[in-house]
Amino acid sequence: MAIIHQEITFSAAPSDIYRAIVDAKKFQEITGAPASGEGTEGGAFSAFGGHVTGRHLELVQGKRVVQAWRAKTWPEGVYSVVRFELVPEGKGTKLVFDHEGFPEDSKDHLAQGWHSNYWDNIKKSVS
């Protein structure tokens, strides 16, 4: 099974990074792409104009986000799991990210997309 593991350091506090990931309004502001949904455990979300959809499986304020996550182009019913672990590091945050259960042929595209669509935008807007 294909897994993407990434570790990124941000200069912002874990609570700011958490909000950037979970709060649809904040996420939309950061990425400039349409996003909607609820920032509650079990709540559905949509990002990038519906290209990405899913549910928040576990939310631990400022510490952890686990989502069932899928791309619109994947076969119907196929969901992957993404885990964002937020670790305080000085005045900033170390994000330990794992993504698994996605179609094998999507790995390179996804690995690059996490950087260009998520981490780079969060660094510019929050850090």
N, C-alpha and C. Protein backbone atom coordinates (compact mmCIF):
# COMPACT_ATOMS: atom_id res chain seq x y z
N MET A 1 0.84 -1.19 0.00
CA MET A 1 0.00 0.00 0.00
C MET A 1 0.88 1.24 0.00
N ALA A 2 0.51 2.18 -0.82
CA ALA A 2 1.26 3.43 -0.93
C ALA A 2 0.97 4.34 0.27
N ILE A 3 2.02 4.95 0.77
CA ILE A 3 1.90 5.89 1.89
C ILE A 3 2.73 7.13 1.56
N ILE A 4 2.19 8.28 1.90
CA ILE A 4 2.94 9.53 1.80
C ILE A 4 3.21 9.98 3.23
N HIS A 5 4.47 10.22 3.55
CA HIS A 5 4.86 10.73 4.87
C HIS A 5 5.64 12.02 4.63
N GLN A 6 5.18 13.09 5.26
CA GLN A 6 5.86 14.37 5.13
C GLN A 6 5.94 15.03 6.50
N GLU A 7 7.03 15.75 6.73
CA GLU A 7 7.19 16.52 7.97
C GLU A 7 7.55 17.95 7.57
N ILE A 8 6.75 18.88 8.03
CA ILE A 8 6.89 20.28 7.66
C ILE A 8 6.93 21.12 8.93
N THR A 9 7.78 22.14 8.96
CA THR A 9 7.85 23.03 10.11
C THR A 9 7.26 24.39 9.73
N PHE A 10 6.38 24.87 10.57
CA PHE A 10 5.75 26.18 10.40
C PHE A 10 6.16 27.07 11.56
N SER A 11 6.19 28.39 11.34
CA SER A 11 6.53 29.31 12.42
C SER A 11 5.30 29.67 13.26
N ALA A 12 4.12 29.24 12.84
CA ALA A 12 2.88 29.53 13.58
C ALA A 12 2.60 28.45 14.64
N ALA A 13 1.78 28.82 15.62
CA ALA A 13 1.41 27.91 16.71
C ALA A 13 0.53 26.77 16.19
N PRO A 14 0.54 25.61 16.89
CA PRO A 14 -0.30 24.48 16.49
C PRO A 14 -1.78 24.86 16.31
N SER A 15 -2.29 25.73 17.18
CA SER A 15 -3.71 26.11 17.08
C SER A 15 -4.00 26.84 15.76
N ASP A 16 -3.03 27.60 15.25
CA ASP A 16 -3.20 28.31 13.98
C ASP A 16 -3.18 27.33 12.80
N ILE A 17 -2.29 26.36 12.86
CA ILE A 17 -2.20 25.37 11.79
C ILE A 17 -3.46 24.49 11.79
N TYR A 18 -3.90 24.12 12.98
CA TYR A 18 -5.14 23.33 13.13
C TYR A 18 -6.31 24.06 12.47
N ARG A 19 -6.45 25.32 12.78
CA ARG A 19 -7.55 26.12 12.23
C ARG A 19 -7.45 26.21 10.71
N ALA A 20 -6.24 26.36 10.19
CA ALA A 20 -6.03 26.45 8.74
C ALA A 20 -6.48 25.18 8.03
N ILE A 21 -6.37 24.05 8.70
CA ILE A 21 -6.76 22.76 8.11
C ILE A 21 -8.25 22.49 8.29
N VAL A 22 -8.81 22.81 9.44
CA VAL A 22 -10.17 22.40 9.81
C VAL A 22 -11.25 23.43 9.47
N ASP A 23 -10.94 24.71 9.61
CA ASP A 23 -11.92 25.77 9.39
C ASP A 23 -12.05 26.07 7.89
N ALA A 24 -13.18 25.71 7.29
CA ALA A 24 -13.37 25.86 5.84
C ALA A 24 -13.20 27.30 5.38
N LYS A 25 -13.69 28.24 6.16
CA LYS A 25 -13.58 29.66 5.78
C LYS A 25 -12.10 30.08 5.76
N LYS A 26 -11.35 29.68 6.78
CA LYS A 26 -9.92 29.99 6.87
C LYS A 26 -9.16 29.29 5.74
N PHE A 27 -9.51 28.03 5.47
CA PHE A 27 -8.86 27.26 4.42
C PHE A 27 -9.07 27.94 3.06
N GLN A 28 -10.28 28.38 2.81
CA GLN A 28 -10.61 29.07 1.56
C GLN A 28 -9.80 30.36 1.43
N GLU A 29 -9.71 31.08 2.54
CA GLU A 29 -8.94 32.33 2.57
C GLU A 29 -7.46 32.07 2.25
N ILE A 30 -6.91 30.99 2.80
CA ILE A 30 -5.51 30.64 2.62
C ILE A 30 -5.21 30.16 1.21
N THR A 31 -6.08 29.31 0.67
CA THR A 31 -5.82 28.69 -0.64
C THR A 31 -6.38 29.51 -1.81
N GLY A 32 -7.37 30.35 -1.54
CA GLY A 32 -8.03 31.07 -2.61
C GLY A 32 -8.99 30.22 -3.42
N ALA A 33 -9.22 28.98 -2.96
CA ALA A 33 -10.11 28.05 -3.66
C ALA A 33 -11.36 27.80 -2.82
N PRO A 34 -12.50 27.59 -3.47
CA PRO A 34 -13.75 27.35 -2.73
C PRO A 34 -13.64 26.16 -1.77
N ALA A 35 -14.11 26.37 -0.53
CA ALA A 35 -14.12 25.32 0.49
C ALA A 35 -15.37 25.50 1.34
N SER A 36 -15.89 24.40 1.83
CA SER A 36 -17.06 24.46 2.71
C SER A 36 -17.02 23.28 3.66
N GLY A 37 -17.89 23.31 4.65
CA GLY A 37 -17.98 22.20 5.59
C GLY A 37 -17.97 22.64 7.02
N GLU A 38 -18.07 21.65 7.86
CA GLU A 38 -18.11 21.90 9.30
C GLU A 38 -16.83 21.42 9.95
N GLY A 39 -16.33 22.22 10.87
CA GLY A 39 -15.11 21.88 11.59
C GLY A 39 -15.41 21.09 12.85
N THR A 40 -16.26 20.07 12.72
CA THR A 40 -16.63 19.23 13.87
C THR A 40 -16.34 17.78 13.54
N GLU A 41 -16.06 16.99 14.57
CA GLU A 41 -15.81 15.57 14.38
C GLU A 41 -17.04 14.94 13.73
N GLY A 42 -16.82 14.21 12.64
CA GLY A 42 -17.92 13.60 11.90
C GLY A 42 -18.46 14.50 10.81
N GLY A 43 -18.07 15.77 10.82
CA GLY A 43 -18.56 16.74 9.84
C GLY A 43 -17.94 16.53 8.47
N ALA A 44 -18.74 16.76 7.43
CA ALA A 44 -18.26 16.65 6.06
C ALA A 44 -17.58 17.95 5.65
N PHE A 45 -16.65 17.85 4.69
CA PHE A 45 -16.00 19.03 4.16
C PHE A 45 -15.78 18.86 2.66
N SER A 46 -15.57 19.98 2.00
CA SER A 46 -15.28 20.02 0.58
C SER A 46 -14.22 21.10 0.38
N ALA A 47 -13.26 20.84 -0.48
CA ALA A 47 -12.20 21.81 -0.74
C ALA A 47 -11.90 21.87 -2.23
N PHE A 48 -11.32 22.96 -2.64
CA PHE A 48 -10.93 23.16 -4.03
C PHE A 48 -12.12 22.98 -4.97
N GLY A 49 -13.23 23.62 -4.60
CA GLY A 49 -14.42 23.60 -5.44
C GLY A 49 -15.04 22.22 -5.62
N GLY A 50 -14.87 21.35 -4.63
CA GLY A 50 -15.45 20.01 -4.69
C GLY A 50 -14.51 18.97 -5.26
N HIS A 51 -13.30 19.37 -5.63
CA HIS A 51 -12.34 18.37 -6.13
C HIS A 51 -11.92 17.41 -5.01
N VAL A 52 -11.91 17.91 -3.78
CA VAL A 52 -11.60 17.08 -2.61
C VAL A 52 -12.80 17.11 -1.67
N THR A 53 -13.22 15.94 -1.21
CA THR A 53 -14.31 15.84 -0.24
C THR A 53 -13.93 14.83 0.83
N GLY A 54 -14.62 14.90 1.97
CA GLY A 54 -14.35 13.93 3.02
C GLY A 54 -15.08 14.24 4.30
N ARG A 55 -14.62 13.60 5.37
CA ARG A 55 -15.18 13.78 6.71
C ARG A 55 -14.05 13.86 7.72
N HIS A 56 -14.29 14.65 8.76
CA HIS A 56 -13.34 14.71 9.88
C HIS A 56 -13.63 13.50 10.78
N LEU A 57 -12.70 12.57 10.84
CA LEU A 57 -12.88 11.37 11.66
C LEU A 57 -12.51 11.61 13.12
N GLU A 58 -11.44 12.39 13.32
CA GLU A 58 -10.98 12.70 14.68
C GLU A 58 -10.41 14.11 14.68
N LEU A 59 -10.86 14.90 15.64
CA LEU A 59 -10.35 16.26 15.80
C LEU A 59 -9.95 16.46 17.26
N VAL A 60 -8.69 16.75 17.48
CA VAL A 60 -8.19 17.08 18.81
C VAL A 60 -7.58 18.48 18.68
N GLN A 61 -8.29 19.46 19.20
CA GLN A 61 -7.95 20.88 19.04
C GLN A 61 -6.45 21.15 19.20
N GLY A 62 -5.84 21.67 18.14
CA GLY A 62 -4.44 22.05 18.19
C GLY A 62 -3.45 20.91 18.22
N LYS A 63 -3.93 19.65 18.09
CA LYS A 63 -3.02 18.51 18.20
C LYS A 63 -3.11 17.52 17.04
N ARG A 64 -4.34 17.19 16.63
CA ARG A 64 -4.49 16.14 15.63
C ARG A 64 -5.75 16.33 14.81
N VAL A 65 -5.62 16.02 13.51
CA VAL A 65 -6.75 15.98 12.59
C VAL A 65 -6.62 14.68 11.80
N VAL A 66 -7.68 13.88 11.79
CA VAL A 66 -7.71 12.68 10.96
C VAL A 66 -8.95 12.79 10.08
N GLN A 67 -8.73 12.63 8.78
CA GLN A 67 -9.83 12.78 7.82
C GLN A 67 -9.94 11.57 6.90
N ALA A 68 -11.19 11.23 6.54
CA ALA A 68 -11.45 10.38 5.39
C ALA A 68 -11.45 11.36 4.22
N TRP A 69 -10.64 11.11 3.22
CA TRP A 69 -10.33 12.11 2.20
C TRP A 69 -10.33 11.45 0.83
N ARG A 70 -10.96 12.12 -0.15
CA ARG A 70 -10.96 11.56 -1.50
C ARG A 70 -10.92 12.65 -2.55
N ALA A 71 -10.35 12.31 -3.69
CA ALA A 71 -10.34 13.20 -4.85
C ALA A 71 -11.50 12.82 -5.75
N LYS A 72 -12.07 13.80 -6.37
CA LYS A 72 -13.23 13.64 -7.25
C LYS A 72 -12.96 12.64 -8.38
N THR A 73 -11.73 12.55 -8.83
CA THR A 73 -11.37 11.69 -9.96
C THR A 73 -11.22 10.22 -9.59
N TRP A 74 -11.24 9.89 -8.31
CA TRP A 74 -11.07 8.50 -7.88
C TRP A 74 -12.35 7.72 -8.12
N PRO A 75 -12.24 6.39 -8.20
CA PRO A 75 -13.45 5.57 -8.35
C PRO A 75 -14.42 5.81 -7.19
N GLU A 76 -15.69 5.72 -7.48
CA GLU A 76 -16.73 5.95 -6.47
C GLU A 76 -16.50 5.06 -5.25
N GLY A 77 -16.67 5.64 -4.07
CA GLY A 77 -16.53 4.89 -2.82
C GLY A 77 -15.12 4.73 -2.32
N VAL A 78 -14.11 5.22 -3.05
CA VAL A 78 -12.71 5.10 -2.62
C VAL A 78 -12.35 6.31 -1.77
N TYR A 79 -11.99 6.04 -0.51
CA TYR A 79 -11.54 7.07 0.43
C TYR A 79 -10.19 6.68 0.97
N SER A 80 -9.35 7.66 1.21
CA SER A 80 -8.07 7.44 1.86
C SER A 80 -8.16 8.05 3.25
N VAL A 81 -7.11 7.87 4.04
CA VAL A 81 -7.06 8.46 5.38
C VAL A 81 -5.85 9.37 5.44
N VAL A 82 -6.09 10.61 5.88
CA VAL A 82 -5.00 11.56 6.10
C VAL A 82 -4.95 11.89 7.59
N ARG A 83 -3.73 11.98 8.10
CA ARG A 83 -3.50 12.27 9.53
C ARG A 83 -2.51 13.42 9.63
N PHE A 84 -2.94 14.47 10.32
CA PHE A 84 -2.10 15.63 10.59
C PHE A 84 -1.82 15.63 12.09
N GLU A 85 -0.58 15.40 12.49
CA GLU A 85 -0.18 15.48 13.90
C GLU A 85 0.57 16.79 14.09
N LEU A 86 0.12 17.62 15.01
CA LEU A 86 0.70 18.94 15.24
C LEU A 86 1.52 18.91 16.53
N VAL A 87 2.81 19.09 16.39
CA VAL A 87 3.73 19.01 17.52
C VAL A 87 4.35 20.39 17.77
N PRO A 88 4.15 20.94 18.97
CA PRO A 88 4.78 22.24 19.27
C PRO A 88 6.29 22.13 19.14
N GLU A 89 6.89 23.12 18.49
CA GLU A 89 8.34 23.14 18.33
C GLU A 89 8.79 24.59 18.48
N GLY A 90 9.28 24.94 19.68
CA GLY A 90 9.62 26.33 19.97
C GLY A 90 8.33 27.15 19.91
N LYS A 91 8.36 28.23 19.13
CA LYS A 91 7.16 29.05 18.96
C LYS A 91 6.34 28.59 17.76
N GLY A 92 6.82 27.57 17.08
CA GLY A 92 6.17 27.08 15.87
C GLY A 92 5.55 25.70 16.03
N THR A 93 5.40 25.04 14.90
CA THR A 93 4.75 23.74 14.85
C THR A 93 5.47 22.82 13.88
N LYS A 94 5.68 21.58 14.31
CA LYS A 94 6.13 20.54 13.39
C LYS A 94 4.89 19.74 13.03
N LEU A 95 4.58 19.69 11.76
CA LEU A 95 3.44 18.91 11.27
C LEU A 95 3.97 17.58 10.75
N VAL A 96 3.47 16.50 11.35
CA VAL A 96 3.81 15.17 10.88
C VAL A 96 2.57 14.66 10.15
N PHE A 97 2.73 14.45 8.85
CA PHE A 97 1.61 14.15 7.98
C PHE A 97 1.75 12.77 7.35
N ASP A 98 0.66 12.00 7.39
CA ASP A 98 0.63 10.69 6.74
C ASP A 98 -0.65 10.56 5.94
N HIS A 99 -0.53 10.05 4.74
CA HIS A 99 -1.67 9.84 3.84
C HIS A 99 -1.56 8.42 3.31
N GLU A 100 -2.61 7.62 3.51
CA GLU A 100 -2.58 6.24 3.04
C GLU A 100 -3.94 5.81 2.49
N GLY A 101 -3.91 4.77 1.67
CA GLY A 101 -5.13 4.21 1.15
C GLY A 101 -5.63 4.84 -0.14
N PHE A 102 -4.78 5.56 -0.83
CA PHE A 102 -5.17 6.21 -2.08
C PHE A 102 -4.77 5.32 -3.26
N PRO A 103 -5.37 5.55 -4.44
CA PRO A 103 -4.97 4.78 -5.62
C PRO A 103 -3.47 4.95 -5.89
N GLU A 104 -2.80 3.84 -6.09
CA GLU A 104 -1.34 3.79 -6.26
C GLU A 104 -0.82 4.79 -7.31
N ASP A 105 -1.54 4.95 -8.40
CA ASP A 105 -1.06 5.82 -9.47
C ASP A 105 -1.21 7.31 -9.14
N SER A 106 -1.78 7.63 -7.98
CA SER A 106 -1.95 9.02 -7.56
C SER A 106 -0.83 9.53 -6.67
N LYS A 107 0.09 8.65 -6.26
CA LYS A 107 1.07 9.00 -5.23
C LYS A 107 1.90 10.25 -5.56
N ASP A 108 2.53 10.30 -6.72
CA ASP A 108 3.40 11.43 -7.04
C ASP A 108 2.61 12.73 -7.11
N HIS A 109 1.45 12.68 -7.75
CA HIS A 109 0.60 13.87 -7.87
C HIS A 109 0.17 14.37 -6.49
N LEU A 110 -0.25 13.44 -5.62
CA LEU A 110 -0.69 13.81 -4.27
C LEU A 110 0.47 14.38 -3.45
N ALA A 111 1.62 13.71 -3.48
CA ALA A 111 2.77 14.15 -2.69
C ALA A 111 3.16 15.58 -3.06
N GLN A 112 3.15 15.89 -4.34
CA GLN A 112 3.48 17.24 -4.79
C GLN A 112 2.35 18.20 -4.42
N GLY A 113 1.10 17.74 -4.56
CA GLY A 113 -0.06 18.58 -4.28
C GLY A 113 -0.17 19.00 -2.83
N TRP A 114 0.23 18.14 -1.90
CA TRP A 114 0.19 18.53 -0.48
C TRP A 114 1.08 19.75 -0.27
N HIS A 115 2.24 19.76 -0.93
CA HIS A 115 3.14 20.91 -0.79
C HIS A 115 2.57 22.16 -1.46
N SER A 116 2.22 22.04 -2.73
CA SER A 116 1.82 23.24 -3.48
C SER A 116 0.44 23.77 -3.06
N ASN A 117 -0.48 22.89 -2.70
CA ASN A 117 -1.84 23.33 -2.36
C ASN A 117 -2.06 23.57 -0.87
N TYR A 118 -1.30 22.89 -0.02
CA TYR A 118 -1.51 23.02 1.43
C TYR A 118 -0.35 23.73 2.10
N TRP A 119 0.81 23.06 2.18
CA TRP A 119 1.91 23.57 3.01
C TRP A 119 2.41 24.94 2.55
N ASP A 120 2.60 25.12 1.25
CA ASP A 120 3.11 26.41 0.75
C ASP A 120 2.12 27.53 1.06
N ASN A 121 0.84 27.27 0.85
CA ASN A 121 -0.19 28.29 1.13
C ASN A 121 -0.29 28.61 2.62
N ILE A 122 -0.21 27.58 3.46
CA ILE A 122 -0.27 27.79 4.91
C ILE A 122 0.95 28.60 5.35
N LYS A 123 2.13 28.25 4.84
CA LYS A 123 3.34 28.99 5.21
C LYS A 123 3.22 30.47 4.84
N LYS A 124 2.69 30.75 3.65
CA LYS A 124 2.54 32.14 3.20
C LYS A 124 1.52 32.92 4.02
N SER A 125 0.46 32.25 4.43
CA SER A 125 -0.66 32.94 5.07
C SER A 125 -0.66 32.91 6.60
N VAL A 126 -0.14 31.85 7.18
CA VAL A 126 -0.25 31.66 8.63
C VAL A 126 1.10 31.83 9.31
N SER A 127 2.13 31.27 8.76
CA SER A 127 3.45 31.28 9.39
C SER A 127 4.11 32.64 9.27
